[in-house]
Amino acid sequence: MPWIQLLHCIENQTSGGLSTLVDSLSVLEKLKKEDPEGYKLLCEVPVRYRYVEEDVELVERRTIIESDNTGKITGVTYSPRLDYLPLLPNDQLVIFHRARKRLGQLLSSPEFEWRFRLELVPVTNVS
């Protein structure tokens, strides 16, 4: 799975095709306010991600919400197609699943989307 994926457009010849980005930091702020207990589990409990295709198998374990030693958010890994629910006591699993589900809802919410059309930006020579 890519850690950071950057895409660029050399020339956009379409009339539609808006690009969409999601403000994941704002999503996490809202989730933390709504469900601090679930948010904490998403920060602390490693999740197994597995991708299998013909002769390739990629497996990774990491928390859904990642942060550095100061608590600053460094990443969000959300892939319901590739992740597995962790083994937790039932009461914690209910909280974890609720927070993961809510995270998905917030990440899909138009409230946190940035939509724009890619445009060609002229590059000038810098000497």
Protein backbone atom coordinates (compact mmCIF):
# COMPACT_ATOMS: atom_id res chain seq x y z
CA MET A 1 0.00 0.00 0.00
CA PRO A 2 1.38 3.42 -0.83
CA TRP A 3 2.16 5.64 2.13
CA ILE A 4 1.62 8.89 0.25
CA GLN A 5 0.31 8.96 -3.27
CA LEU A 6 0.78 12.11 -5.36
CA LEU A 7 -0.84 12.44 -8.75
CA HIS A 8 -0.33 15.19 -11.27
CA CYS A 9 -1.95 16.27 -14.49
CA ILE A 10 0.11 17.28 -17.50
CA GLU A 11 -2.90 18.25 -19.57
CA ASN A 12 -6.60 18.13 -18.72
CA GLN A 13 -8.73 17.88 -21.84
CA THR A 14 -11.99 16.89 -20.17
CA SER A 15 -14.93 19.08 -19.30
CA GLY A 16 -15.71 17.23 -16.06
CA GLY A 17 -13.57 15.06 -13.87
CA LEU A 18 -13.31 16.97 -10.62
CA SER A 19 -10.57 15.85 -8.26
CA THR A 20 -11.56 15.29 -4.66
CA LEU A 21 -9.39 15.56 -1.56
CA VAL A 22 -10.56 15.01 2.01
CA ASP A 23 -9.45 17.09 5.00
CA SER A 24 -8.62 14.12 7.22
CA LEU A 25 -7.30 16.29 10.07
CA SER A 26 -10.69 18.00 10.40
CA VAL A 27 -12.37 14.60 10.19
CA LEU A 28 -10.20 13.35 13.07
CA GLU A 29 -10.97 16.43 15.17
CA LYS A 30 -14.70 15.81 14.76
CA LEU A 31 -14.36 12.09 15.51
CA LYS A 32 -12.32 12.82 18.65
CA LYS A 33 -15.03 15.21 19.90
CA GLU A 34 -17.85 12.80 19.11
CA ASP A 35 -16.22 9.60 20.34
CA PRO A 36 -13.04 10.09 22.39
CA GLU A 37 -13.00 6.47 23.53
CA GLY A 38 -13.28 5.13 19.98
CA TYR A 39 -10.76 7.66 18.71
CA LYS A 40 -8.28 6.46 21.35
CA LEU A 41 -8.68 2.84 20.22
CA LEU A 42 -8.13 3.81 16.57
CA CYS A 43 -4.88 5.49 17.72
CA GLU A 44 -3.67 2.56 19.83
CA VAL A 45 -4.84 -0.74 18.31
CA PRO A 46 -2.84 -2.03 15.33
CA VAL A 47 -4.92 -3.29 12.41
CA ARG A 48 -3.86 -5.90 9.87
CA TYR A 49 -4.10 -4.83 6.21
CA ARG A 50 -3.82 -7.52 3.54
CA TYR A 51 -3.79 -7.25 -0.24
CA VAL A 52 -3.60 -10.39 -2.40
CA GLU A 53 -3.38 -10.53 -6.18
CA GLU A 54 -2.19 -13.56 -8.16
CA ASP A 55 1.44 -13.96 -7.02
CA VAL A 56 1.59 -10.90 -4.75
CA GLU A 57 0.64 -10.69 -1.10
CA LEU A 58 1.19 -7.50 0.88
CA VAL A 59 0.60 -7.46 4.63
CA GLU A 60 1.00 -4.48 6.95
CA ARG A 61 0.07 -3.79 10.57
CA ARG A 62 -0.49 -0.26 11.80
CA THR A 63 -2.99 1.81 13.70
CA ILE A 64 -5.71 3.55 11.70
CA ILE A 65 -4.71 6.89 13.22
CA GLU A 66 -0.95 7.36 13.52
CA SER A 67 0.89 9.99 15.52
CA ASP A 68 4.41 10.84 16.59
CA ASN A 69 5.72 10.81 20.16
CA THR A 70 4.27 14.28 20.78
CA GLY A 71 0.77 13.20 19.76
CA LYS A 72 0.85 15.07 16.43
CA ILE A 73 -1.10 13.19 13.75
CA THR A 74 1.23 11.79 11.09
CA GLY A 75 -1.16 9.66 9.08
CA VAL A 76 -4.51 8.00 8.60
CA THR A 77 -4.77 4.54 7.09
CA TYR A 78 -8.36 3.73 6.19
CA SER A 79 -9.03 0.93 3.73
CA PRO A 80 -12.11 -1.13 4.53
CA ARG A 81 -11.40 -3.30 1.50
CA LEU A 82 -8.04 -4.39 2.93
CA ASP A 83 -8.31 -4.19 6.71
CA TYR A 84 -9.33 -6.77 9.27
CA LEU A 85 -10.99 -6.15 12.61
CA PRO A 86 -8.48 -6.66 15.42
CA LEU A 87 -8.88 -9.26 18.15
CA LEU A 88 -10.22 -7.34 21.14
CA PRO A 89 -12.50 -8.05 24.06
CA ASN A 90 -16.12 -7.71 22.90
CA ASP A 91 -16.79 -4.40 24.68
CA GLN A 92 -13.70 -2.80 23.11
CA LEU A 93 -14.45 -4.34 19.70
CA VAL A 94 -17.89 -2.71 19.69
CA ILE A 95 -16.31 0.68 20.46
CA PHE A 96 -13.55 0.16 17.87
CA HIS A 97 -16.00 -0.87 15.15
CA ARG A 98 -18.33 2.05 15.93
CA ALA A 99 -15.43 4.53 15.65
CA ARG A 100 -14.10 2.92 12.45
CA LYS A 101 -17.57 3.06 10.90
CA ARG A 102 -18.01 6.70 11.91
CA LEU A 103 -14.55 7.54 10.53
CA GLY A 104 -15.65 6.12 7.18
CA GLN A 105 -18.84 8.18 7.24
CA LEU A 106 -16.92 11.36 8.00
CA LEU A 107 -14.29 10.67 5.33
CA SER A 108 -17.14 10.31 2.81
CA SER A 109 -18.98 13.42 3.95
CA PRO A 110 -19.12 16.37 1.52
CA GLU A 111 -18.53 18.60 4.56
CA PHE A 112 -14.82 17.63 4.50
CA GLU A 113 -14.30 17.43 0.73
CA TRP A 114 -12.28 19.76 -1.43
CA ARG A 115 -13.36 19.44 -5.09
CA PHE A 116 -11.50 21.10 -7.91
CA ARG A 117 -10.66 20.68 -11.55
CA LEU A 118 -7.00 20.11 -12.36
CA GLU A 119 -5.65 22.96 -14.45
CA LEU A 120 -2.44 23.32 -16.36
CA VAL A 121 -0.17 25.79 -14.60
CA PRO A 122 2.45 27.39 -16.84
CA VAL A 123 5.98 26.75 -15.64
CA THR A 124 8.45 29.58 -15.94
CA ASN A 125 12.19 29.15 -16.16
CA VAL A 126 13.96 30.11 -12.98
CA SER A 127 17.58 31.00 -13.54
